[in-house]
Amino acid sequence: MEEIIIFENAMFWTDSSETLYCRFNNDDSNSKLNYSKANLYIKAITKLCNGKPMPFLIDVQNTKGTFSISAAKLMANNPELLKLRISEAFIANTIGIRVLISTYKRIFNPITPFGVFSNLESAKKYSLEMKNMFYGSN
């Protein structure tokens, strides 16, 4: 059964593939994800994962803006997320967002495996491969 949690500019859900999906939708290039909103997102993610480590598939195709340093550190180093995040597959369609993701990963979270993809199918394939490696199955 699919579970969904919706915020103003974000939606989180899981499905039978045991992947956590995150979709962000923001058209304000001056927008910045702050610490308190990041904390709300973490609570949603931990509720949806229910203690089970999953790959995170993060769709930022319809997103502009950035994040505060405190929010980035929180998302990267939160102990609950560290236990739940197997990998991250980002779907991005602009060079600016791709650079932002690469910079974020290099500075704040170089440990978690990640990939940046231009379409959902490639991101899903990567997520499944990482999940199978984590759980030791094909």
C-alpha atoms as a PDB file:
ATOM      1  CA  MET A   1       0.000   0.000   0.000  1.00  0.00           C
ATOM      2  CA  GLU A   2       1.290   3.424  -0.913  1.00  0.00           C
ATOM      3  CA  GLU A   3       1.677   6.007   1.829  1.00  0.00           C
ATOM      4  CA  ILE A   4       1.956   9.718   0.959  1.00  0.00           C
ATOM      5  CA  ILE A   5       2.880  12.804   2.968  1.00  0.00           C
ATOM      6  CA  ILE A   6       2.362  16.148   1.213  1.00  0.00           C
ATOM      7  CA  PHE A   7       3.789  19.570   2.056  1.00  0.00           C
ATOM      8  CA  GLU A   8       3.422  22.868   0.199  1.00  0.00           C
ATOM      9  CA  ASN A   9       6.437  22.282  -2.073  1.00  0.00           C
ATOM     10  CA  ALA A  10       7.269  18.640  -1.397  1.00  0.00           C
ATOM     11  CA  MET A  11       5.737  15.203  -1.487  1.00  0.00           C
ATOM     12  CA  PHE A  12       7.125  12.009   0.055  1.00  0.00           C
ATOM     13  CA  TRP A  13       5.873   8.465  -0.464  1.00  0.00           C
ATOM     14  CA  THR A  14       6.781   4.796  -0.501  1.00  0.00           C
ATOM     15  CA  ASP A  15       5.362   1.943  -2.499  1.00  0.00           C
ATOM     16  CA  SER A  16       5.749  -1.813  -2.871  1.00  0.00           C
ATOM     17  CA  SER A  17       9.308  -1.375  -4.234  1.00  0.00           C
ATOM     18  CA  GLU A  18      10.387  -0.197  -0.757  1.00  0.00           C
ATOM     19  CA  THR A  19      11.875   2.967  -2.182  1.00  0.00           C
ATOM     20  CA  LEU A  20      11.353   6.357  -0.592  1.00  0.00           C
ATOM     21  CA  TYR A  21      10.271   8.851  -3.244  1.00  0.00           C
ATOM     22  CA  CYS A  22      10.701  12.584  -2.737  1.00  0.00           C
ATOM     23  CA  ARG A  23       9.367  15.122  -5.232  1.00  0.00           C
ATOM     24  CA  PHE A  24      10.071  18.806  -4.813  1.00  0.00           C
ATOM     25  CA  ASN A  25       8.166  21.480  -6.698  1.00  0.00           C
ATOM     26  CA  ASN A  26       9.212  25.088  -6.295  1.00  0.00           C
ATOM     27  CA  ASP A  27       9.393  27.787  -8.974  1.00  0.00           C
ATOM     28  CA  ASP A  28      10.895  30.530  -6.776  1.00  0.00           C
ATOM     29  CA  SER A  29      14.624  30.735  -7.492  1.00  0.00           C
ATOM     30  CA  ASN A  30      15.082  32.863  -4.343  1.00  0.00           C
ATOM     31  CA  SER A  31      13.632  30.118  -2.135  1.00  0.00           C
ATOM     32  CA  LYS A  32      15.901  28.482   0.429  1.00  0.00           C
ATOM     33  CA  LEU A  33      15.145  25.298   2.347  1.00  0.00           C
ATOM     34  CA  ASN A  34      15.532  26.200   6.012  1.00  0.00           C
ATOM     35  CA  TYR A  35      16.309  24.130   9.109  1.00  0.00           C
ATOM     36  CA  SER A  36      12.730  23.917  10.399  1.00  0.00           C
ATOM     37  CA  LYS A  37      11.325  22.731   7.076  1.00  0.00           C
ATOM     38  CA  ALA A  38      14.165  20.218   6.713  1.00  0.00           C
ATOM     39  CA  ASN A  39      13.278  18.914  10.160  1.00  0.00           C
ATOM     40  CA  LEU A  40       9.643  18.423   9.053  1.00  0.00           C
ATOM     41  CA  TYR A  41      10.858  16.530   5.988  1.00  0.00           C
ATOM     42  CA  ILE A  42      13.012  14.268   8.183  1.00  0.00           C
ATOM     43  CA  LYS A  43      10.012  13.440  10.360  1.00  0.00           C
ATOM     44  CA  ALA A  44       7.997  12.529   7.246  1.00  0.00           C
ATOM     45  CA  ILE A  45      10.804  10.359   5.892  1.00  0.00           C
ATOM     46  CA  THR A  46      11.307   8.481   9.162  1.00  0.00           C
ATOM     47  CA  LYS A  47       7.567   7.868   9.431  1.00  0.00           C
ATOM     48  CA  LEU A  48       7.356   6.498   5.885  1.00  0.00           C
ATOM     49  CA  CYS A  49      10.449   4.299   6.191  1.00  0.00           C
ATOM     50  CA  ASN A  50       9.221   2.922   9.519  1.00  0.00           C
ATOM     51  CA  GLY A  51      12.733   1.777  10.498  1.00  0.00           C
ATOM     52  CA  LYS A  52      13.501   0.029   7.191  1.00  0.00           C
ATOM     53  CA  PRO A  53      16.541   1.215   5.208  1.00  0.00           C
ATOM     54  CA  MET A  54      15.539   2.227   1.676  1.00  0.00           C
ATOM     55  CA  PRO A  55      17.013   3.901  -1.381  1.00  0.00           C
ATOM     56  CA  PHE A  56      15.894   7.512  -1.697  1.00  0.00           C
ATOM     57  CA  LEU A  57      14.723   8.634  -5.136  1.00  0.00           C
ATOM     58  CA  ILE A  58      14.650  12.436  -5.188  1.00  0.00           C
ATOM     59  CA  ASP A  59      12.957  14.279  -8.062  1.00  0.00           C
ATOM     60  CA  VAL A  60      14.101  17.900  -8.281  1.00  0.00           C
ATOM     61  CA  GLN A  61      13.153  18.512 -11.919  1.00  0.00           C
ATOM     62  CA  ASN A  62      10.593  21.175 -11.022  1.00  0.00           C
ATOM     63  CA  THR A  63      12.654  22.880  -8.359  1.00  0.00           C
ATOM     64  CA  LYS A  64      14.525  26.129  -8.178  1.00  0.00           C
ATOM     65  CA  GLY A  65      16.289  27.614  -5.203  1.00  0.00           C
ATOM     66  CA  THR A  66      18.794  26.271  -2.726  1.00  0.00           C
ATOM     67  CA  PHE A  67      19.129  25.358   0.949  1.00  0.00           C
ATOM     68  CA  SER A  68      20.606  26.876   4.075  1.00  0.00           C
ATOM     69  CA  ILE A  69      23.847  25.410   5.388  1.00  0.00           C
ATOM     70  CA  SER A  70      22.091  24.343   8.580  1.00  0.00           C
ATOM     71  CA  ALA A  71      19.394  22.515   6.572  1.00  0.00           C
ATOM     72  CA  ALA A  72      22.011  20.820   4.383  1.00  0.00           C
ATOM     73  CA  LYS A  73      23.969  19.640   7.427  1.00  0.00           C
ATOM     74  CA  LEU A  74      20.789  18.390   9.084  1.00  0.00           C
ATOM     75  CA  MET A  75      19.660  16.424   6.019  1.00  0.00           C
ATOM     76  CA  ALA A  76      23.133  14.956   5.500  1.00  0.00           C
ATOM     77  CA  ASN A  77      23.999  14.047   9.074  1.00  0.00           C
ATOM     78  CA  ASN A  78      20.728  13.352  10.868  1.00  0.00           C
ATOM     79  CA  PRO A  79      21.278  10.042  12.731  1.00  0.00           C
ATOM     80  CA  GLU A  80      17.834   8.709  11.801  1.00  0.00           C
ATOM     81  CA  LEU A  81      18.396   9.396   8.097  1.00  0.00           C
ATOM     82  CA  LEU A  82      21.879   7.876   8.222  1.00  0.00           C
ATOM     83  CA  LYS A  83      20.298   4.587   9.349  1.00  0.00           C
ATOM     84  CA  LEU A  84      17.551   4.694   6.696  1.00  0.00           C
ATOM     85  CA  ARG A  85      19.305   5.997   3.561  1.00  0.00           C
ATOM     86  CA  ILE A  86      20.791   3.215   1.406  1.00  0.00           C
ATOM     87  CA  SER A  87      21.492   5.494  -1.562  1.00  0.00           C
ATOM     88  CA  GLU A  88      20.219   8.620  -3.280  1.00  0.00           C
ATOM     89  CA  ALA A  89      19.113   8.829  -6.897  1.00  0.00           C
ATOM     90  CA  PHE A  90      18.452  12.406  -7.983  1.00  0.00           C
ATOM     91  CA  ILE A  91      16.449  13.303 -11.080  1.00  0.00           C
ATOM     92  CA  ALA A  92      17.553  16.720 -12.318  1.00  0.00           C
ATOM     93  CA  ASN A  93      17.081  18.506 -15.612  1.00  0.00           C
ATOM     94  CA  THR A  94      19.205  21.640 -15.259  1.00  0.00           C
ATOM     95  CA  ILE A  95      22.946  22.079 -14.974  1.00  0.00           C
ATOM     96  CA  GLY A  96      22.484  24.423 -12.002  1.00  0.00           C
ATOM     97  CA  ILE A  97      20.664  21.815  -9.937  1.00  0.00           C
ATOM     98  CA  ARG A  98      23.168  19.118 -10.973  1.00  0.00           C
ATOM     99  CA  VAL A  99      26.030  21.321  -9.771  1.00  0.00           C
ATOM    100  CA  LEU A 100      24.171  22.067  -6.532  1.00  0.00           C
ATOM    101  CA  ILE A 101      23.651  18.336  -5.878  1.00  0.00           C
ATOM    102  CA  SER A 102      27.283  17.477  -6.618  1.00  0.00           C
ATOM    103  CA  THR A 103      28.520  20.269  -4.364  1.00  0.00           C
ATOM    104  CA  TYR A 104      26.155  19.273  -1.560  1.00  0.00           C
ATOM    105  CA  LYS A 105      27.254  15.642  -1.773  1.00  0.00           C
ATOM    106  CA  ARG A 106      30.959  16.491  -1.870  1.00  0.00           C
ATOM    107  CA  ILE A 107      30.797  18.864   1.102  1.00  0.00           C
ATOM    108  CA  PHE A 108      28.065  17.495   3.357  1.00  0.00           C
ATOM    109  CA  ASN A 109      27.573  13.798   2.594  1.00  0.00           C
ATOM    110  CA  PRO A 110      30.351  12.101   0.625  1.00  0.00           C
ATOM    111  CA  ILE A 111      29.587   8.664   2.155  1.00  0.00           C
ATOM    112  CA  THR A 112      26.093   7.814   0.850  1.00  0.00           C
ATOM    113  CA  PRO A 113      26.217   6.419  -2.705  1.00  0.00           C
ATOM    114  CA  PHE A 114      24.386   8.650  -5.181  1.00  0.00           C
ATOM    115  CA  GLY A 115      23.687   9.210  -8.834  1.00  0.00           C
ATOM    116  CA  VAL A 116      22.185  12.068 -10.809  1.00  0.00           C
ATOM    117  CA  PHE A 117      19.874  11.064 -13.652  1.00  0.00           C
ATOM    118  CA  SER A 118      17.830  12.779 -16.323  1.00  0.00           C
ATOM    119  CA  ASN A 119      14.843  10.408 -16.145  1.00  0.00           C
ATOM    120  CA  LEU A 120      12.814   8.382 -13.687  1.00  0.00           C
ATOM    121  CA  GLU A 121      13.535   4.958 -15.185  1.00  0.00           C
ATOM    122  CA  SER A 122      17.316   5.327 -14.850  1.00  0.00           C
ATOM    123  CA  ALA A 123      16.926   6.552 -11.270  1.00  0.00           C
ATOM    124  CA  LYS A 124      14.646   3.601 -10.431  1.00  0.00           C
ATOM    125  CA  LYS A 125      17.117   1.144 -11.941  1.00  0.00           C
ATOM    126  CA  TYR A 126      19.980   2.607  -9.893  1.00  0.00           C
ATOM    127  CA  SER A 127      17.864   2.536  -6.724  1.00  0.00           C
ATOM    128  CA  LEU A 128      16.960  -1.117  -7.241  1.00  0.00           C
ATOM    129  CA  GLU A 129      20.613  -2.047  -7.866  1.00  0.00           C
ATOM    130  CA  MET A 130      21.716  -0.257  -4.699  1.00  0.00           C
ATOM    131  CA  LYS A 131      18.934  -1.868  -2.665  1.00  0.00           C
ATOM    132  CA  ASN A 132      19.886  -5.316  -3.956  1.00  0.00           C
ATOM    133  CA  MET A 133      23.549  -4.708  -3.102  1.00  0.00           C
ATOM    134  CA  PHE A 134      22.588  -3.531   0.394  1.00  0.00           C
ATOM    135  CA  TYR A 135      20.363  -6.512   1.103  1.00  0.00           C
ATOM    136  CA  GLY A 136      22.614  -8.956  -0.796  1.00  0.00           C
ATOM    137  CA  SER A 137      20.151 -10.135  -3.437  1.00  0.00           C
ATOM    138  CA  ASN A 138      19.655  -9.963  -7.184  1.00  0.00           C
END
